[in-house]
Protein backbone atom coordinates (compact mmCIF):
# COMPACT_ATOMS: atom_id res chain seq x y z
CA UNK A 1 -54.09 -50.11 -18.17
CA UNK A 2 -55.41 -49.92 -14.63
CA UNK A 3 -57.83 -47.01 -14.92
CA UNK A 4 -61.02 -47.30 -16.93
CA UNK A 5 -61.61 -45.21 -20.03
CA UNK A 6 -64.31 -42.64 -19.31
CA UNK A 7 -63.79 -40.31 -22.27
CA UNK A 8 -61.86 -37.05 -21.96
CA UNK A 9 -62.67 -33.36 -21.68
CA UNK A 10 -62.43 -33.02 -25.46
CA UNK A 11 -64.05 -36.36 -26.44
CA UNK A 12 -67.62 -37.24 -25.54
CA UNK A 13 -67.87 -41.03 -25.25
CA UNK A 14 -71.27 -42.71 -24.96
CA UNK A 15 -71.77 -45.37 -22.30
CA UNK A 16 -71.73 -48.23 -24.82
CA UNK A 17 -68.47 -46.95 -26.33
CA UNK A 18 -66.85 -46.77 -22.87
CA UNK A 19 -67.97 -50.35 -22.21
CA UNK A 20 -66.51 -51.51 -25.54
CA UNK A 21 -63.13 -49.83 -24.96
CA UNK A 22 -62.78 -51.21 -21.44
CA UNK A 23 -63.89 -54.69 -22.51
CA UNK A 24 -61.35 -54.79 -25.34
CA UNK A 25 -58.61 -53.62 -22.98
CA UNK A 26 -59.55 -56.22 -20.35
CA UNK A 27 -59.56 -59.01 -22.95
CA UNK A 28 -56.50 -57.51 -24.66
CA UNK A 29 -58.21 -58.05 -27.97
CA UNK A 30 -58.06 -55.53 -30.81
CA UNK A 31 -60.99 -53.11 -30.70
CA UNK A 32 -62.55 -52.98 -34.17
CA UNK A 33 -64.48 -49.73 -34.56
CA UNK A 34 -66.86 -49.07 -37.43
CA UNK A 35 -69.16 -46.14 -38.13
CA UNK A 36 -69.91 -43.36 -40.57
CA UNK A 37 -66.97 -41.15 -41.57
CA UNK A 38 -66.71 -38.28 -39.09
CA UNK A 39 -68.04 -40.18 -36.06
CA UNK A 40 -64.70 -40.01 -34.23
CA UNK A 41 -63.21 -43.45 -34.90
CA UNK A 42 -59.65 -42.27 -35.46
CA UNK A 43 -59.84 -39.67 -32.70
CA UNK A 44 -60.93 -42.42 -30.27
CA UNK A 45 -57.48 -44.04 -30.32
CA UNK A 46 -55.85 -40.66 -29.78
CA UNK A 47 -58.11 -39.94 -26.81
CA UNK A 48 -57.56 -43.40 -25.25
CA UNK A 49 -53.81 -42.73 -25.41
CA UNK A 50 -54.31 -39.30 -23.86
CA UNK A 51 -56.60 -40.62 -21.13
CA UNK A 52 -54.14 -43.29 -19.96
CA UNK A 53 -51.00 -41.25 -20.75
CA UNK A 54 -49.76 -43.82 -23.27
CA UNK A 55 -47.71 -43.31 -26.43
CA UNK A 56 -49.79 -43.47 -29.61
CA UNK A 57 -48.44 -45.36 -32.63
CA UNK A 58 -50.46 -44.69 -35.80
CA UNK A 59 -50.47 -46.93 -38.85
CA UNK A 60 -52.49 -45.25 -41.60
CA UNK A 61 -53.49 -47.93 -44.09
CA UNK A 62 -53.69 -47.19 -47.82
CA UNK A 63 -54.82 -49.26 -50.80
CA UNK A 64 -51.20 -50.21 -51.48
CA UNK A 65 -50.30 -51.11 -47.87
CA UNK A 66 -49.07 -54.65 -47.22
CA UNK A 67 -49.17 -56.36 -43.83
CA UNK A 68 -45.42 -56.99 -43.99
CA UNK A 69 -44.84 -53.23 -43.85
CA UNK A 70 -46.28 -53.24 -40.34
CA UNK A 71 -43.56 -55.67 -39.26
CA UNK A 72 -40.50 -54.51 -41.16
CA UNK A 73 -39.13 -53.92 -44.64
CA UNK A 74 -35.78 -55.13 -45.97
CA UNK A 75 -34.19 -52.79 -48.51
CA UNK A 76 -32.21 -55.24 -50.65
CA UNK A 77 -31.76 -52.67 -53.42
CA UNK A 78 -30.00 -50.22 -51.10
CA UNK A 79 -27.73 -52.99 -49.80
CA UNK A 80 -26.81 -54.04 -53.33
CA UNK A 81 -26.03 -50.45 -54.26
CA UNK A 82 -23.89 -49.94 -51.17
CA UNK A 83 -22.08 -53.20 -51.91
CA UNK A 84 -21.22 -51.99 -55.38
CA UNK A 85 -19.92 -48.74 -53.90
CA UNK A 86 -17.84 -50.55 -51.27
CA UNK A 87 -19.75 -49.04 -48.34
CA UNK A 88 -18.83 -50.68 -45.00
CA UNK A 89 -22.48 -50.57 -43.90
CA UNK A 90 -23.18 -53.49 -46.19
CA UNK A 91 -21.61 -55.95 -43.73
CA UNK A 92 -24.43 -55.37 -41.19
CA UNK A 93 -27.75 -56.40 -42.71
CA UNK A 94 -29.51 -54.63 -39.85
CA UNK A 95 -28.67 -51.34 -41.54
CA UNK A 96 -31.20 -52.23 -44.23
CA UNK A 97 -34.07 -53.30 -42.01
CA UNK A 98 -36.75 -50.63 -41.56
CA UNK A 99 -38.94 -51.18 -38.52
CA UNK A 100 -42.72 -51.12 -38.99
CA UNK A 101 -45.46 -49.88 -36.67
CA UNK A 102 -46.09 -53.29 -35.09
CA UNK A 103 -42.39 -53.60 -34.31
CA UNK A 104 -42.50 -50.17 -32.65
CA UNK A 105 -45.59 -51.16 -30.65
CA UNK A 106 -44.16 -54.53 -29.57
CA UNK A 107 -40.90 -53.00 -28.32
CA UNK A 108 -42.26 -49.79 -26.79
CA UNK A 109 -40.92 -49.25 -23.26
CA UNK A 110 -44.36 -48.02 -22.16
CA UNK A 111 -47.65 -49.74 -22.95
CA UNK A 112 -48.71 -48.09 -26.22
CA UNK A 113 -51.98 -47.61 -28.07
CA UNK A 114 -51.58 -48.91 -31.63
CA UNK A 115 -54.01 -47.45 -34.17
CA UNK A 116 -54.48 -49.38 -37.42
CA UNK A 117 -56.54 -46.80 -39.28
CA UNK A 118 -58.97 -47.65 -42.13
CA UNK A 119 -58.00 -51.30 -42.45
CA UNK A 120 -60.68 -51.83 -45.12
CA UNK A 121 -58.74 -49.67 -47.58
CA UNK A 122 -56.13 -52.38 -48.06
CA UNK A 123 -56.28 -55.61 -50.02
CA UNK A 124 -58.73 -58.24 -48.71
CA UNK A 125 -55.82 -60.44 -47.61
CA UNK A 126 -54.34 -57.69 -45.44
CA UNK A 127 -56.32 -58.49 -42.24
CA UNK A 128 -55.65 -62.24 -42.58
CA UNK A 129 -51.94 -61.57 -43.01
CA UNK A 130 -51.90 -59.84 -39.61
CA UNK A 131 -53.73 -62.60 -37.71
CA UNK A 132 -50.74 -64.59 -36.55
CA UNK A 133 -48.74 -61.58 -35.39
CA UNK A 134 -51.69 -60.08 -33.52
CA UNK A 135 -52.39 -63.46 -31.89
CA UNK A 136 -48.83 -64.40 -30.96
CA UNK A 137 -47.65 -60.83 -30.42
CA UNK A 138 -44.35 -61.78 -32.01
CA UNK A 139 -42.74 -62.24 -35.41
CA UNK A 140 -39.40 -63.28 -36.90
CA UNK A 141 -37.01 -61.12 -38.88
CA UNK A 142 -35.80 -63.77 -41.32
CA UNK A 143 -32.86 -61.73 -42.64
CA UNK A 144 -31.28 -61.42 -39.17
CA UNK A 145 -32.75 -64.44 -37.38
CA UNK A 146 -34.11 -62.10 -34.70
CA UNK A 147 -37.45 -62.66 -32.99
CA UNK A 148 -39.41 -59.53 -32.05
CA UNK A 149 -41.83 -60.22 -29.19
CA UNK A 150 -44.16 -57.82 -27.41
CA UNK A 151 -43.14 -56.86 -23.88
CA UNK A 152 -46.82 -56.42 -23.15
CA UNK A 153 -49.84 -56.70 -25.42
CA UNK A 154 -50.43 -53.20 -26.78
CA UNK A 155 -53.91 -51.71 -26.81
CA UNK A 156 -54.93 -52.07 -30.46
CA UNK A 157 -57.65 -49.95 -32.07
CA UNK A 158 -58.62 -50.83 -35.65
CA UNK A 159 -60.97 -48.60 -37.65
CA UNK A 160 -63.03 -49.46 -40.72
CA UNK A 161 -65.37 -47.43 -42.92
CA UNK A 162 -67.06 -50.61 -44.18
CA UNK A 163 -65.65 -50.18 -47.70
CA UNK A 164 -65.25 -53.94 -47.88
CA UNK A 165 -66.11 -56.94 -45.71
CA UNK A 166 -63.44 -58.16 -43.31
CA UNK A 167 -62.66 -61.91 -43.05
CA UNK A 168 -64.53 -63.92 -40.42
CA UNK A 169 -61.31 -65.28 -38.92
CA UNK A 170 -60.13 -61.71 -38.34
CA UNK A 171 -63.46 -60.59 -36.87
CA UNK A 172 -63.43 -63.48 -34.37
CA UNK A 173 -60.25 -62.12 -32.84
CA UNK A 174 -61.60 -58.60 -32.33
CA UNK A 175 -63.99 -56.92 -29.94
CA UNK A 176 -66.42 -55.07 -32.18
CA UNK A 177 -68.17 -51.75 -31.69
CA UNK A 178 -70.24 -49.71 -34.12
CA UNK A 179 -70.26 -45.99 -33.31
CA UNK A 180 -73.79 -44.80 -33.98
CA UNK A 181 -74.30 -41.34 -35.32
CA UNK A 182 -74.77 -39.03 -32.32
CA UNK A 183 -78.34 -38.27 -31.26
CA UNK A 184 -79.25 -34.66 -30.47
CA UNK A 185 -78.39 -34.93 -26.78
CA UNK A 186 -74.94 -36.37 -27.48
CA UNK A 187 -74.38 -33.85 -30.28
CA UNK A 188 -75.28 -31.01 -27.90
CA UNK A 189 -72.63 -32.29 -25.47
CA UNK A 190 -70.06 -32.43 -28.29
CA UNK A 191 -70.89 -28.88 -29.36
CA UNK A 192 -70.66 -27.63 -25.76
CA UNK A 193 -67.11 -29.03 -25.57
CA UNK A 194 -66.03 -27.24 -28.76
CA UNK A 195 -68.06 -24.04 -28.32
CA UNK A 196 -68.57 -23.39 -24.60
CA UNK A 197 -71.11 -20.67 -24.00
CA UNK A 198 -72.51 -20.72 -27.56
CA UNK A 199 -76.02 -19.34 -27.94
CA UNK A 200 -78.48 -22.20 -27.36
CA UNK A 201 -81.06 -20.96 -29.87
CA UNK A 202 -78.44 -20.76 -32.60
CA UNK A 203 -77.37 -24.34 -31.87
CA UNK A 204 -80.98 -25.55 -31.78
CA UNK A 205 -81.77 -24.01 -35.18
CA UNK A 206 -78.49 -25.21 -36.68
CA UNK A 207 -79.13 -28.75 -35.44
CA UNK A 208 -82.69 -28.68 -36.83
CA UNK A 209 -81.30 -27.86 -40.27
CA UNK A 210 -78.43 -30.34 -39.90
CA UNK A 211 -80.59 -33.33 -38.92
CA UNK A 212 -83.26 -32.45 -41.50
CA UNK A 213 -80.55 -32.28 -44.14
CA UNK A 214 -79.27 -35.73 -43.18
CA UNK A 215 -82.77 -37.14 -43.72
CA UNK A 216 -83.16 -35.86 -47.29
CA UNK A 217 -83.74 -38.88 -49.57
CA UNK A 218 -81.11 -39.35 -52.24
CA UNK A 219 -78.34 -37.51 -50.41
CA UNK A 220 -75.05 -39.04 -51.54
CA UNK A 221 -72.95 -37.98 -48.55
CA UNK A 222 -74.62 -37.16 -45.28
CA UNK A 223 -72.83 -34.40 -43.35
CA UNK A 224 -70.89 -35.64 -40.33
CA UNK A 225 -70.22 -34.34 -36.83
CA UNK A 226 -66.96 -32.69 -37.88
CA UNK A 227 -68.79 -30.89 -40.69
CA UNK A 228 -71.46 -29.62 -38.30
CA UNK A 229 -68.70 -28.22 -36.07
CA UNK A 230 -67.10 -26.52 -39.08
CA UNK A 231 -70.46 -25.06 -40.07
CA UNK A 232 -71.11 -23.71 -36.58
CA UNK A 233 -67.65 -22.13 -36.55
CA UNK A 234 -68.45 -20.36 -39.81
CA UNK A 235 -71.87 -19.23 -38.60
CA UNK A 236 -70.24 -17.70 -35.53
CA UNK A 237 -67.42 -16.15 -37.55
CA UNK A 238 -69.85 -14.59 -40.02
CA UNK A 239 -72.09 -13.50 -37.14
CA UNK A 240 -75.01 -15.10 -38.97
CA UNK A 241 -78.35 -13.65 -37.76
CA UNK A 242 -80.58 -16.21 -36.09
CA UNK A 243 -83.43 -15.18 -38.42
CA UNK A 244 -81.52 -16.56 -41.42
CA UNK A 245 -81.53 -20.02 -39.86
CA UNK A 246 -85.12 -19.71 -38.66
CA UNK A 247 -86.31 -18.91 -42.18
CA UNK A 248 -87.18 -22.41 -43.37
CA UNK A 249 -88.52 -21.25 -46.72
CA UNK A 250 -88.54 -24.40 -48.90
CA UNK A 251 -87.88 -22.26 -51.99
CA UNK A 252 -84.46 -21.53 -50.46
CA UNK A 253 -83.62 -25.13 -49.63
CA UNK A 254 -79.84 -24.74 -49.47
CA UNK A 255 -78.69 -23.61 -46.00
CA UNK A 256 -76.28 -20.66 -45.68
CA UNK A 257 -72.58 -21.52 -46.00
CA UNK A 258 -73.65 -24.95 -47.26
CA UNK A 259 -70.14 -25.71 -48.55
CA UNK A 260 -69.27 -26.85 -45.01
CA UNK A 261 -72.07 -29.43 -45.07
CA UNK A 262 -72.53 -30.53 -48.68
CA UNK A 263 -69.34 -31.92 -50.15
CA UNK A 264 -70.21 -32.89 -53.71
CA UNK A 265 -72.00 -31.33 -56.66
CA UNK A 266 -74.71 -34.02 -56.83
CA UNK A 267 -75.97 -33.11 -53.35
CA UNK A 268 -75.87 -29.36 -54.10
CA UNK A 269 -77.83 -29.98 -57.33
CA UNK A 270 -80.32 -32.12 -55.39
CA UNK A 271 -81.08 -29.20 -53.05
CA UNK A 272 -81.28 -26.79 -55.96
CA UNK A 273 -83.87 -29.07 -57.59
CA UNK A 274 -85.84 -29.28 -54.34
CA UNK A 275 -85.86 -25.47 -54.11
CA UNK A 276 -86.91 -25.18 -57.77
CA UNK A 277 -89.79 -27.65 -57.28
CA UNK A 278 -90.91 -25.78 -54.15
CA UNK A 279 -90.95 -22.47 -56.07
CA UNK A 280 -93.07 -24.02 -58.84
CA UNK A 281 -95.63 -25.25 -56.31
CA UNK A 282 -95.82 -21.91 -54.51
């Protein structure tokens, strides 16, 4: 990667995020990105790939994902079945080797961006099991005796939602960046990208409600950037009068179209209780 990452037209990157991306690329260390859900961690890898015109290889980690799956999987059951059926394919063990995402990244003809998404969902041993391959940028396929080595170190972006702690040995090999929740100025820039020409007063009132809502004590899930964008889209689609947003009557604590912002019943009930208490005081 010769050019520096400066964000894209559709992705507003703060200065410290740009520094982190370019530092990780220079060092060729995996970029470990943490932050609240909805702060653009996954999209970051997609936008880096777009910015440098690189192929994107996505490995979406689940609770059942094993590190070996990122290298390759050998389907011994299929080979046994084919052997019993007399299939000629059985004589080439390579027919039963399924390439993983790391294999694809290591052998890509063009320098790729490899996204390992939500690494903290997997077993605690998962990051440690990847250490050697990410360090050496190679691994052996024991069934065929083949060694798969990276043509060039891919740009690796790893995301985590902090569901569990990652091992120290893994952290030492990464360049770390925490994406802070956007301040109002950054959020305004994000909104301008998605809704060019949107009425400024509408955005100002919507952001007042949004940031106030995030500060409510006891809120189980704070609304994210993506949820604010969804809410604004609905407000525009419903042609919501500005006066509805300006009416900050505490006895009507729940904002209009709140289903875009509040995503569980506990938080809705919390706002209903706040409105009930405000009515009793009034």
